[in-house]
C-alpha atoms as a PDB file:
ATOM      1  CA  UNK A   1       0.410  -0.313   0.231  1.00  0.00           C
ATOM      2  CA  UNK A   2       2.871   2.071   0.607  1.00  0.00           C
ATOM      3  CA  UNK A   3       4.646   1.951  -2.528  1.00  0.00           C
ATOM      4  CA  UNK A   4       1.340   2.521  -4.283  1.00  0.00           C
ATOM      5  CA  UNK A   5       0.888   5.881  -2.658  1.00  0.00           C
ATOM      6  CA  UNK A   6       4.690   6.968  -3.544  1.00  0.00           C
ATOM      7  CA  UNK A   7       3.872   5.786  -6.772  1.00  0.00           C
ATOM      8  CA  UNK A   8       0.991   7.904  -7.264  1.00  0.00           C
ATOM      9  CA  UNK A   9       2.166  10.817  -5.431  1.00  0.00           C
ATOM     10  CA  UNK A  10       5.645  10.783  -7.702  1.00  0.00           C
ATOM     11  CA  UNK A  11       3.065  10.826 -10.749  1.00  0.00           C
ATOM     12  CA  UNK A  12       1.329  13.492  -9.475  1.00  0.00           C
ATOM     13  CA  UNK A  13       4.469  15.637  -9.050  1.00  0.00           C
ATOM     14  CA  UNK A  14       5.998  14.643 -12.178  1.00  0.00           C
ATOM     15  CA  UNK A  15       2.380  15.396 -14.186  1.00  0.00           C
ATOM     16  CA  UNK A  16       1.208  18.174 -11.764  1.00  0.00           C
ATOM     17  CA  UNK A  17      -2.002  16.002 -11.663  1.00  0.00           C
ATOM     18  CA  UNK A  18      -4.020  15.463  -8.621  1.00  0.00           C
ATOM     19  CA  UNK A  19      -2.976  12.306  -6.876  1.00  0.00           C
ATOM     20  CA  UNK A  20      -4.882  11.179  -3.826  1.00  0.00           C
ATOM     21  CA  UNK A  21      -2.981   8.920  -1.526  1.00  0.00           C
ATOM     22  CA  UNK A  22      -3.599   6.542   1.366  1.00  0.00           C
ATOM     23  CA  UNK A  23      -2.352   7.571   4.435  1.00  0.00           C
ATOM     24  CA  UNK A  24      -3.175   5.515   7.663  1.00  0.00           C
ATOM     25  CA  UNK A  25      -6.583   4.538   5.689  1.00  0.00           C
ATOM     26  CA  UNK A  26      -7.956   7.725   5.032  1.00  0.00           C
ATOM     27  CA  UNK A  27      -7.365   9.542   1.605  1.00  0.00           C
ATOM     28  CA  UNK A  28      -5.086  12.644   0.980  1.00  0.00           C
ATOM     29  CA  UNK A  29      -5.400  14.887  -2.315  1.00  0.00           C
ATOM     30  CA  UNK A  30      -2.434  16.230  -3.343  1.00  0.00           C
ATOM     31  CA  UNK A  31      -3.282  19.616  -5.148  1.00  0.00           C
ATOM     32  CA  UNK A  32      -0.746  19.947  -8.667  1.00  0.00           C
ATOM     33  CA  UNK A  33       2.477  21.848  -8.592  1.00  0.00           C
ATOM     34  CA  UNK A  34       2.208  24.429 -11.502  1.00  0.00           C
ATOM     35  CA  UNK A  35      -0.022  27.277 -10.323  1.00  0.00           C
ATOM     36  CA  UNK A  36      -3.713  28.125 -11.677  1.00  0.00           C
ATOM     37  CA  UNK A  37      -4.026  30.318 -15.267  1.00  0.00           C
ATOM     38  CA  UNK A  38      -4.525  33.853 -14.711  1.00  0.00           C
ATOM     39  CA  UNK A  39      -7.844  34.804 -15.189  1.00  0.00           C
ATOM     40  CA  UNK A  40      -9.657  36.261 -18.255  1.00  0.00           C
ATOM     41  CA  UNK A  41      -9.039  35.362 -22.208  1.00  0.00           C
ATOM     42  CA  UNK A  42      -5.832  35.657 -23.677  1.00  0.00           C
ATOM     43  CA  UNK A  43      -4.560  38.498 -25.136  1.00  0.00           C
ATOM     44  CA  UNK A  44      -3.795  38.623 -28.845  1.00  0.00           C
ATOM     45  CA  UNK A  45      -1.133  40.156 -30.494  1.00  0.00           C
ATOM     46  CA  UNK A  46      -0.797  43.395 -33.187  1.00  0.00           C
ATOM     47  CA  UNK A  47      -0.589  40.909 -36.034  1.00  0.00           C
ATOM     48  CA  UNK A  48      -4.466  39.795 -35.602  1.00  0.00           C
ATOM     49  CA  UNK A  49      -4.984  43.481 -37.245  1.00  0.00           C
ATOM     50  CA  UNK A  50      -6.974  43.839 -40.072  1.00  0.00           C
ATOM     51  CA  UNK A  51      -5.432  46.636 -42.307  1.00  0.00           C
ATOM     52  CA  UNK A  52      -7.575  49.194 -44.363  1.00  0.00           C
ATOM     53  CA  UNK A  53      -5.625  49.673 -47.691  1.00  0.00           C
ATOM     54  CA  UNK A  54      -6.333  51.840 -48.620  1.00  0.00           C
ATOM     55  CA  UNK A  55      -7.264  53.987 -45.843  1.00  0.00           C
ATOM     56  CA  UNK A  56     -10.853  55.360 -45.403  1.00  0.00           C
ATOM     57  CA  UNK A  57     -11.938  58.388 -43.820  1.00  0.00           C
ATOM     58  CA  UNK A  58     -13.539  57.682 -40.717  1.00  0.00           C
ATOM     59  CA  UNK A  59     -17.252  58.544 -40.669  1.00  0.00           C
ATOM     60  CA  UNK A  60     -17.884  61.735 -38.786  1.00  0.00           C
ATOM     61  CA  UNK A  61     -19.521  60.774 -34.798  1.00  0.00           C
ATOM     62  CA  UNK A  62     -19.946  62.246 -31.386  1.00  0.00           C
ATOM     63  CA  UNK A  63     -18.191  61.166 -28.541  1.00  0.00           C
ATOM     64  CA  UNK A  64     -19.097  62.317 -24.903  1.00  0.00           C
ATOM     65  CA  UNK A  65     -15.923  63.395 -22.780  1.00  0.00           C
ATOM     66  CA  UNK A  66     -15.691  62.514 -18.877  1.00  0.00           C
ATOM     67  CA  UNK A  67     -17.392  65.859 -18.139  1.00  0.00           C
ATOM     68  CA  UNK A  68     -20.475  65.112 -20.228  1.00  0.00           C
ATOM     69  CA  UNK A  69     -19.170  67.528 -23.547  1.00  0.00           C
ATOM     70  CA  UNK A  70     -19.767  66.305 -26.754  1.00  0.00           C
ATOM     71  CA  UNK A  71     -17.220  65.883 -29.174  1.00  0.00           C
ATOM     72  CA  UNK A  72     -16.586  65.178 -32.721  1.00  0.00           C
ATOM     73  CA  UNK A  73     -14.130  63.472 -33.870  1.00  0.00           C
ATOM     74  CA  UNK A  74     -12.962  65.958 -36.380  1.00  0.00           C
ATOM     75  CA  UNK A  75     -11.834  67.944 -33.102  1.00  0.00           C
ATOM     76  CA  UNK A  76      -8.670  65.389 -32.959  1.00  0.00           C
ATOM     77  CA  UNK A  77      -7.492  66.492 -37.006  1.00  0.00           C
ATOM     78  CA  UNK A  78      -3.544  66.417 -36.316  1.00  0.00           C
ATOM     79  CA  UNK A  79      -3.770  63.580 -34.015  1.00  0.00           C
ATOM     80  CA  UNK A  80      -2.881  59.603 -34.726  1.00  0.00           C
ATOM     81  CA  UNK A  81      -6.244  57.877 -32.709  1.00  0.00           C
ATOM     82  CA  UNK A  82      -6.310  54.561 -30.586  1.00  0.00           C
ATOM     83  CA  UNK A  83     -10.247  54.165 -30.194  1.00  0.00           C
ATOM     84  CA  UNK A  84     -11.242  51.407 -28.188  1.00  0.00           C
ATOM     85  CA  UNK A  85     -14.905  50.575 -27.944  1.00  0.00           C
ATOM     86  CA  UNK A  86     -15.292  48.823 -24.570  1.00  0.00           C
ATOM     87  CA  UNK A  87     -17.274  48.501 -21.224  1.00  0.00           C
ATOM     88  CA  UNK A  88     -16.920  47.567 -17.357  1.00  0.00           C
ATOM     89  CA  UNK A  89     -18.809  44.504 -17.711  1.00  0.00           C
ATOM     90  CA  UNK A  90     -16.970  42.930 -21.058  1.00  0.00           C
ATOM     91  CA  UNK A  91     -14.707  40.059 -19.652  1.00  0.00           C
ATOM     92  CA  UNK A  92     -12.227  40.842 -22.780  1.00  0.00           C
ATOM     93  CA  UNK A  93     -12.499  44.560 -22.210  1.00  0.00           C
ATOM     94  CA  UNK A  94     -11.236  44.586 -18.647  1.00  0.00           C
ATOM     95  CA  UNK A  95      -8.560  41.947 -19.884  1.00  0.00           C
ATOM     96  CA  UNK A  96      -7.163  44.219 -22.124  1.00  0.00           C
ATOM     97  CA  UNK A  97      -7.617  47.666 -20.323  1.00  0.00           C
ATOM     98  CA  UNK A  98      -4.334  47.718 -18.245  1.00  0.00           C
ATOM     99  CA  UNK A  99      -2.124  46.846 -21.303  1.00  0.00           C
ATOM    100  CA  UNK A 100      -4.086  49.751 -23.208  1.00  0.00           C
ATOM    101  CA  UNK A 101      -3.003  52.279 -20.259  1.00  0.00           C
ATOM    102  CA  UNK A 102       0.787  51.370 -20.687  1.00  0.00           C
ATOM    103  CA  UNK A 103       0.243  52.163 -24.052  1.00  0.00           C
ATOM    104  CA  UNK A 104      -1.264  55.380 -23.464  1.00  0.00           C
ATOM    105  CA  UNK A 105       1.598  56.203 -21.161  1.00  0.00           C
ATOM    106  CA  UNK A 106       3.963  54.999 -23.571  1.00  0.00           C
ATOM    107  CA  UNK A 107       2.584  57.131 -26.900  1.00  0.00           C
ATOM    108  CA  UNK A 108       2.173  60.304 -24.104  1.00  0.00           C
ATOM    109  CA  UNK A 109       5.135  62.018 -25.740  1.00  0.00           C
ATOM    110  CA  UNK A 110       3.604  61.488 -29.234  1.00  0.00           C
ATOM    111  CA  UNK A 111       1.165  63.427 -31.569  1.00  0.00           C
ATOM    112  CA  UNK A 112      -0.967  59.809 -30.547  1.00  0.00           C
ATOM    113  CA  UNK A 113      -4.141  59.634 -28.763  1.00  0.00           C
ATOM    114  CA  UNK A 114      -5.229  56.606 -26.356  1.00  0.00           C
ATOM    115  CA  UNK A 115      -9.364  56.973 -26.354  1.00  0.00           C
ATOM    116  CA  UNK A 116     -10.936  54.243 -24.260  1.00  0.00           C
ATOM    117  CA  UNK A 117     -14.750  54.806 -25.164  1.00  0.00           C
ATOM    118  CA  UNK A 118     -17.448  52.842 -22.975  1.00  0.00           C
ATOM    119  CA  UNK A 119     -20.728  52.049 -23.407  1.00  0.00           C
ATOM    120  CA  UNK A 120     -21.236  51.711 -20.352  1.00  0.00           C
ATOM    121  CA  UNK A 121     -25.010  52.775 -19.327  1.00  0.00           C
ATOM    122  CA  UNK A 122     -23.889  54.280 -15.817  1.00  0.00           C
ATOM    123  CA  UNK A 123     -21.969  56.826 -17.864  1.00  0.00           C
ATOM    124  CA  UNK A 124     -18.765  58.403 -16.372  1.00  0.00           C
ATOM    125  CA  UNK A 125     -19.110  57.267 -12.724  1.00  0.00           C
ATOM    126  CA  UNK A 126     -19.238  54.193 -13.621  1.00  0.00           C
ATOM    127  CA  UNK A 127     -16.149  54.126 -15.542  1.00  0.00           C
ATOM    128  CA  UNK A 128     -14.147  56.041 -13.076  1.00  0.00           C
ATOM    129  CA  UNK A 129     -14.997  54.080 -10.174  1.00  0.00           C
ATOM    130  CA  UNK A 130     -13.862  51.076 -12.367  1.00  0.00           C
ATOM    131  CA  UNK A 131     -10.534  52.819 -13.747  1.00  0.00           C
ATOM    132  CA  UNK A 132     -10.036  53.682  -9.394  1.00  0.00           C
ATOM    133  CA  UNK A 133     -11.075  50.069  -8.118  1.00  0.00           C
ATOM    134  CA  UNK A 134      -9.130  48.273 -11.083  1.00  0.00           C
ATOM    135  CA  UNK A 135      -5.708  51.006 -10.226  1.00  0.00           C
ATOM    136  CA  UNK A 136      -6.356  52.572 -13.963  1.00  0.00           C
ATOM    137  CA  UNK A 137      -4.004  55.253 -14.307  1.00  0.00           C
ATOM    138  CA  UNK A 138      -3.300  57.638 -17.246  1.00  0.00           C
ATOM    139  CA  UNK A 139      -6.488  56.609 -19.575  1.00  0.00           C
ATOM    140  CA  UNK A 140      -9.360  59.132 -20.050  1.00  0.00           C
ATOM    141  CA  UNK A 141     -13.140  58.731 -19.791  1.00  0.00           C
ATOM    142  CA  UNK A 142     -14.519  58.801 -23.384  1.00  0.00           C
ATOM    143  CA  UNK A 143     -18.061  57.689 -23.761  1.00  0.00           C
ATOM    144  CA  UNK A 144     -20.543  56.136 -26.520  1.00  0.00           C
ATOM    145  CA  UNK A 145     -23.425  55.777 -24.085  1.00  0.00           C
ATOM    146  CA  UNK A 146     -25.838  55.131 -26.718  1.00  0.00           C
ATOM    147  CA  UNK A 147     -23.616  52.916 -29.123  1.00  0.00           C
ATOM    148  CA  UNK A 148     -24.114  55.669 -31.957  1.00  0.00           C
ATOM    149  CA  UNK A 149     -20.068  56.277 -32.727  1.00  0.00           C
ATOM    150  CA  UNK A 150     -20.057  52.016 -32.572  1.00  0.00           C
ATOM    151  CA  UNK A 151     -23.047  51.768 -35.214  1.00  0.00           C
ATOM    152  CA  UNK A 152     -21.785  54.606 -37.320  1.00  0.00           C
ATOM    153  CA  UNK A 153     -18.398  52.724 -37.861  1.00  0.00           C
ATOM    154  CA  UNK A 154     -19.987  49.296 -37.956  1.00  0.00           C
ATOM    155  CA  UNK A 155     -18.502  47.786 -35.274  1.00  0.00           C
ATOM    156  CA  UNK A 156     -19.789  44.435 -34.057  1.00  0.00           C
ATOM    157  CA  UNK A 157     -19.055  43.657 -30.453  1.00  0.00           C
ATOM    158  CA  UNK A 158     -16.716  44.776 -28.150  1.00  0.00           C
ATOM    159  CA  UNK A 159     -13.855  44.822 -27.494  1.00  0.00           C
ATOM    160  CA  UNK A 160     -13.110  46.748 -31.005  1.00  0.00           C
ATOM    161  CA  UNK A 161     -10.317  48.950 -31.263  1.00  0.00           C
ATOM    162  CA  UNK A 162     -10.048  51.489 -34.796  1.00  0.00           C
ATOM    163  CA  UNK A 163      -6.887  53.183 -35.555  1.00  0.00           C
ATOM    164  CA  UNK A 164      -6.700  56.380 -37.126  1.00  0.00           C
ATOM    165  CA  UNK A 165      -4.171  58.546 -38.740  1.00  0.00           C
ATOM    166  CA  UNK A 166      -3.278  62.173 -38.324  1.00  0.00           C
ATOM    167  CA  UNK A 167      -5.458  62.627 -41.479  1.00  0.00           C
ATOM    168  CA  UNK A 168      -8.498  61.255 -40.038  1.00  0.00           C
ATOM    169  CA  UNK A 169      -8.500  57.816 -41.732  1.00  0.00           C
ATOM    170  CA  UNK A 170      -9.176  54.478 -40.696  1.00  0.00           C
ATOM    171  CA  UNK A 171      -5.758  52.548 -40.897  1.00  0.00           C
ATOM    172  CA  UNK A 172      -6.899  49.066 -38.961  1.00  0.00           C
ATOM    173  CA  UNK A 173      -8.603  47.548 -37.268  1.00  0.00           C
ATOM    174  CA  UNK A 174      -8.665  45.129 -34.111  1.00  0.00           C
ATOM    175  CA  UNK A 175     -12.098  42.515 -32.400  1.00  0.00           C
ATOM    176  CA  UNK A 176     -11.030  41.314 -29.483  1.00  0.00           C
ATOM    177  CA  UNK A 177      -8.447  41.440 -26.529  1.00  0.00           C
ATOM    178  CA  UNK A 178      -4.915  42.863 -27.443  1.00  0.00           C
ATOM    179  CA  UNK A 179      -1.646  43.263 -25.529  1.00  0.00           C
ATOM    180  CA  UNK A 180      -1.362  46.765 -26.290  1.00  0.00           C
ATOM    181  CA  UNK A 181       1.975  47.077 -24.204  1.00  0.00           C
ATOM    182  CA  UNK A 182       4.207  45.032 -26.503  1.00  0.00           C
ATOM    183  CA  UNK A 183       6.712  46.171 -28.442  1.00  0.00           C
ATOM    184  CA  UNK A 184       5.494  45.055 -31.495  1.00  0.00           C
ATOM    185  CA  UNK A 185       1.891  47.164 -30.798  1.00  0.00           C
ATOM    186  CA  UNK A 186       3.561  50.043 -29.772  1.00  0.00           C
ATOM    187  CA  UNK A 187       5.792  49.844 -33.242  1.00  0.00           C
ATOM    188  CA  UNK A 188       2.817  49.176 -35.001  1.00  0.00           C
ATOM    189  CA  UNK A 189       0.744  51.843 -33.753  1.00  0.00           C
ATOM    190  CA  UNK A 190       3.543  54.713 -34.527  1.00  0.00           C
ATOM    191  CA  UNK A 191       4.073  53.447 -38.112  1.00  0.00           C
ATOM    192  CA  UNK A 192       0.663  53.757 -39.058  1.00  0.00           C
ATOM    193  CA  UNK A 193      -1.245  56.205 -37.429  1.00  0.00           C
ATOM    194  CA  UNK A 194       2.022  58.607 -35.710  1.00  0.00           C
END
């Protein structure tokens, strides 16, 4: 019996699976040696970006800032844009939000702006609370509370990110949670919209 338990324990240690050993007639459960996977979906790489070639003008749409003022996309003329449509209740959206904050930090000295545009119905207080609770810093609050901008831009689901160059043309689009903090993502964004 003792040899059998040792064999099971050895197999568990080698394979990282659960094992049950018997000690004094009572089962003892041994947990895996490998840590559990982090929560949330895995982040995509920038290679998932669908390029728009030739670039096309992004249709006009209104966005609401954190103070409630309405702005047209045309107000950002001369700046490259990374427009990320998301919501606090969307699991893949929140999975990529820390990487989006890092992207904003890495681009802060350039003419490229990161606009996380939330579709949360609760507006700016909901987004501000989410940012505070999750330690997200350096991202502005932008809203599309009725989903009008998403409809105008043909967004099928969230998260969706649209890259817009300085001339207001869409250069690329990516659906899904992305590792925006990667060197490859930063370089590609600079190349396309900077």
